[in-house]
């Protein structure tokens, strides 16, 4: 399998989108997550319709859209968990004694 420029571009967009989902979870920004999710669903639908000549409501396209939602929820959950861990880590810090 060779990485064509189209595939590299798709993977780069996916990685940036997933990072945005993780960031929204890390900051616990639900509205931003919904915006990022809608953008991801739209871009995926556009790619499937115009790049792959698929119909929006065929089973494979719907499964691809479901996978986008699951990736987004997983990224948001991972970011949320990391955000809570970082917050608890900072709160449990022991300050050095003052002289």
Protein backbone atom coordinates (compact mmCIF):
# COMPACT_ATOMS: atom_id res chain seq x y z
CA UNK A 1 0.00 0.00 0.00
CA UNK A 2 1.38 3.34 -1.00
CA UNK A 3 0.43 6.63 0.51
CA UNK A 4 -1.00 8.78 -2.23
CA UNK A 5 -1.23 12.53 -1.73
CA UNK A 6 -5.01 12.23 -1.35
CA UNK A 7 -4.64 9.62 1.38
CA UNK A 8 -2.02 11.71 3.18
CA UNK A 9 -4.34 14.73 3.05
CA UNK A 10 -7.29 12.70 4.38
CA UNK A 11 -5.20 11.27 7.22
CA UNK A 12 -3.91 14.75 8.11
CA UNK A 13 -7.43 16.18 8.22
CA UNK A 14 -8.62 13.23 10.31
CA UNK A 15 -5.72 13.64 12.75
CA UNK A 16 -6.39 17.37 13.16
CA UNK A 17 -10.09 16.72 13.64
CA UNK A 18 -9.42 14.04 16.26
CA UNK A 19 -7.00 16.37 18.08
CA UNK A 20 -9.76 19.00 18.12
CA UNK A 21 -12.13 16.44 19.67
CA UNK A 22 -9.55 15.55 22.31
CA UNK A 23 -8.89 19.24 23.04
CA UNK A 24 -12.62 19.90 23.47
CA UNK A 25 -12.78 17.01 25.93
CA UNK A 26 -9.66 18.15 27.77
CA UNK A 27 -11.16 21.61 28.25
CA UNK A 28 -14.65 20.11 28.87
CA UNK A 29 -16.14 22.31 26.16
CA UNK A 30 -19.27 20.46 25.07
CA UNK A 31 -20.41 23.16 22.63
CA UNK A 32 -17.03 23.13 20.88
CA UNK A 33 -17.22 19.35 20.73
CA UNK A 34 -20.62 19.50 19.04
CA UNK A 35 -19.28 22.04 16.54
CA UNK A 36 -16.24 19.88 15.79
CA UNK A 37 -18.47 16.79 15.47
CA UNK A 38 -20.79 18.51 13.00
CA UNK A 39 -17.81 19.70 10.97
CA UNK A 40 -16.42 16.16 10.91
CA UNK A 41 -19.73 14.66 9.86
CA UNK A 42 -20.09 17.27 7.12
CA UNK A 43 -16.58 16.74 5.77
CA UNK A 44 -17.04 12.97 5.83
CA UNK A 45 -20.36 13.23 3.98
CA UNK A 46 -18.84 15.58 1.39
CA UNK A 47 -15.93 13.20 0.84
CA UNK A 48 -18.21 10.21 0.44
CA UNK A 49 -20.60 11.96 -1.95
CA UNK A 50 -18.11 13.83 -4.13
CA UNK A 51 -14.94 11.78 -3.70
CA UNK A 52 -16.40 8.28 -3.61
CA UNK A 53 -19.69 8.82 -5.50
CA UNK A 54 -21.70 7.32 -2.67
CA UNK A 55 -25.27 8.11 -1.75
CA UNK A 56 -25.75 9.64 1.68
CA UNK A 57 -28.25 7.07 2.96
CA UNK A 58 -26.71 3.85 1.71
CA UNK A 59 -25.71 1.42 4.49
CA UNK A 60 -21.95 1.81 4.05
CA UNK A 61 -22.16 5.60 4.17
CA UNK A 62 -24.32 5.49 7.29
CA UNK A 63 -21.85 3.13 8.94
CA UNK A 64 -19.02 5.51 8.06
CA UNK A 65 -20.95 8.37 9.65
CA UNK A 66 -21.56 6.26 12.75
CA UNK A 67 -17.84 5.55 12.96
CA UNK A 68 -17.15 9.30 12.83
CA UNK A 69 -19.49 9.80 15.78
CA UNK A 70 -17.83 6.98 17.74
CA UNK A 71 -14.32 8.31 17.02
CA UNK A 72 -15.44 11.76 18.16
CA UNK A 73 -17.05 10.51 21.37
CA UNK A 74 -13.97 8.39 22.11
CA UNK A 75 -11.67 11.36 21.52
CA UNK A 76 -13.82 13.62 23.67
CA UNK A 77 -13.88 11.01 26.44
CA UNK A 78 -10.12 10.55 26.29
CA UNK A 79 -9.57 14.30 26.45
CA UNK A 80 -12.02 14.65 29.32
CA UNK A 81 -10.25 11.89 31.26
CA UNK A 82 -6.84 13.43 30.63
CA UNK A 83 -8.16 16.84 31.68
CA UNK A 84 -9.45 15.44 34.97
CA UNK A 85 -6.16 13.62 35.60
CA UNK A 86 -4.13 16.77 34.97
CA UNK A 87 -6.42 18.80 37.23
CA UNK A 88 -6.17 16.27 40.07
CA UNK A 89 -2.40 16.01 39.57
CA UNK A 90 -2.02 19.77 39.92
CA UNK A 91 -4.30 19.89 42.95
CA UNK A 92 -2.34 17.17 44.75
CA UNK A 93 0.96 18.98 44.35
CA UNK A 94 2.89 19.47 47.56
CA UNK A 95 4.25 22.98 47.94
CA UNK A 96 7.77 23.31 49.33
CA UNK A 97 7.90 24.54 52.95
CA UNK A 98 8.53 28.24 53.45
CA UNK A 99 11.52 29.26 55.50
